[in-house]
């Protein structure tokens, strides 16, 4: 069975707002970057890169991020337009 290709979504339309939203959600969840990274199975450095806008999480990571940050809907990860 071959792996299904990951779907990419264009976060560039949200520019730095995704980074800001991720940081706000982490802080509202009362998690340190280290705690969030451990729960997500990624490095603390990755959290900092996401929150600084240097990189963005892959859409495949959205369900886990939503769970860790206690969001009702995955789309709540994205900032309001």
Protein backbone atom coordinates (compact mmCIF):
# COMPACT_ATOMS: atom_id res chain seq x y z
CA UNK A 1 0.00 0.00 0.00
CA UNK A 2 1.54 3.30 -1.03
CA UNK A 3 1.43 6.37 1.14
CA UNK A 4 -1.13 8.97 0.19
CA UNK A 5 0.37 12.32 -0.75
CA UNK A 6 -0.16 15.03 1.83
CA UNK A 7 -2.48 17.82 0.84
CA UNK A 8 -0.91 21.25 0.99
CA UNK A 9 -2.91 24.31 1.89
CA UNK A 10 -1.79 27.80 1.09
CA UNK A 11 -1.24 29.60 4.39
CA UNK A 12 0.47 32.52 2.65
CA UNK A 13 -2.86 34.32 2.38
CA UNK A 14 -2.86 34.54 6.18
CA UNK A 15 0.77 35.76 6.31
CA UNK A 16 1.94 36.31 9.91
CA UNK A 17 -1.54 35.91 11.34
CA UNK A 18 -1.20 32.11 11.52
CA UNK A 19 1.98 32.49 13.56
CA UNK A 20 0.29 34.96 15.89
CA UNK A 21 -2.77 32.71 16.20
CA UNK A 22 -0.66 29.68 17.10
CA UNK A 23 1.08 31.59 19.87
CA UNK A 24 -2.20 32.96 21.23
CA UNK A 25 -3.74 29.49 21.25
CA UNK A 26 -0.74 28.00 23.04
CA UNK A 27 -0.81 30.72 25.67
CA UNK A 28 -4.58 30.37 26.15
CA UNK A 29 -3.98 26.65 26.66
CA UNK A 30 -1.49 27.62 29.41
CA UNK A 31 1.27 25.60 27.81
CA UNK A 32 4.93 26.47 27.55
CA UNK A 33 6.56 25.94 24.16
CA UNK A 34 8.32 22.93 25.66
CA UNK A 35 5.06 21.40 26.90
CA UNK A 36 3.28 22.01 23.58
CA UNK A 37 6.19 20.50 21.67
CA UNK A 38 6.20 17.39 23.88
CA UNK A 39 2.45 16.88 23.43
CA UNK A 40 2.73 17.38 19.67
CA UNK A 41 5.78 15.14 19.31
CA UNK A 42 7.88 17.91 17.77
CA UNK A 43 10.79 20.03 18.93
CA UNK A 44 10.50 23.25 20.89
CA UNK A 45 12.43 24.88 18.05
CA UNK A 46 9.61 23.96 15.66
CA UNK A 47 7.09 25.68 17.94
CA UNK A 48 9.25 28.81 17.93
CA UNK A 49 9.56 28.69 14.13
CA UNK A 50 5.78 28.38 13.74
CA UNK A 51 5.13 31.24 16.14
CA UNK A 52 7.74 33.46 14.49
CA UNK A 53 6.31 32.77 11.05
CA UNK A 54 9.50 31.10 9.80
CA UNK A 55 7.54 27.97 8.96
CA UNK A 56 3.98 26.68 9.27
CA UNK A 57 2.58 23.38 10.44
CA UNK A 58 1.58 20.92 7.75
CA UNK A 59 -2.16 20.46 7.33
CA UNK A 60 -1.72 16.85 8.50
CA UNK A 61 -0.66 18.25 11.89
CA UNK A 62 -3.81 20.36 12.33
CA UNK A 63 -5.92 17.66 14.05
CA UNK A 64 -3.25 17.04 16.70
CA UNK A 65 -2.65 20.77 17.22
CA UNK A 66 -6.41 21.28 17.59
CA UNK A 67 -6.54 18.52 20.18
CA UNK A 68 -3.57 19.82 22.19
CA UNK A 69 -4.90 23.41 22.13
CA UNK A 70 -8.42 22.16 22.95
CA UNK A 71 -10.16 23.58 19.89
CA UNK A 72 -13.65 22.48 18.91
CA UNK A 73 -12.95 22.73 15.18
CA UNK A 74 -9.75 22.44 13.17
CA UNK A 75 -10.64 25.63 11.30
CA UNK A 76 -10.31 27.49 14.61
CA UNK A 77 -6.55 27.28 14.06
CA UNK A 78 -6.84 29.84 11.30
CA UNK A 79 -7.29 33.51 12.10
CA UNK A 80 -10.56 35.18 11.22
CA UNK A 81 -10.38 36.96 7.91
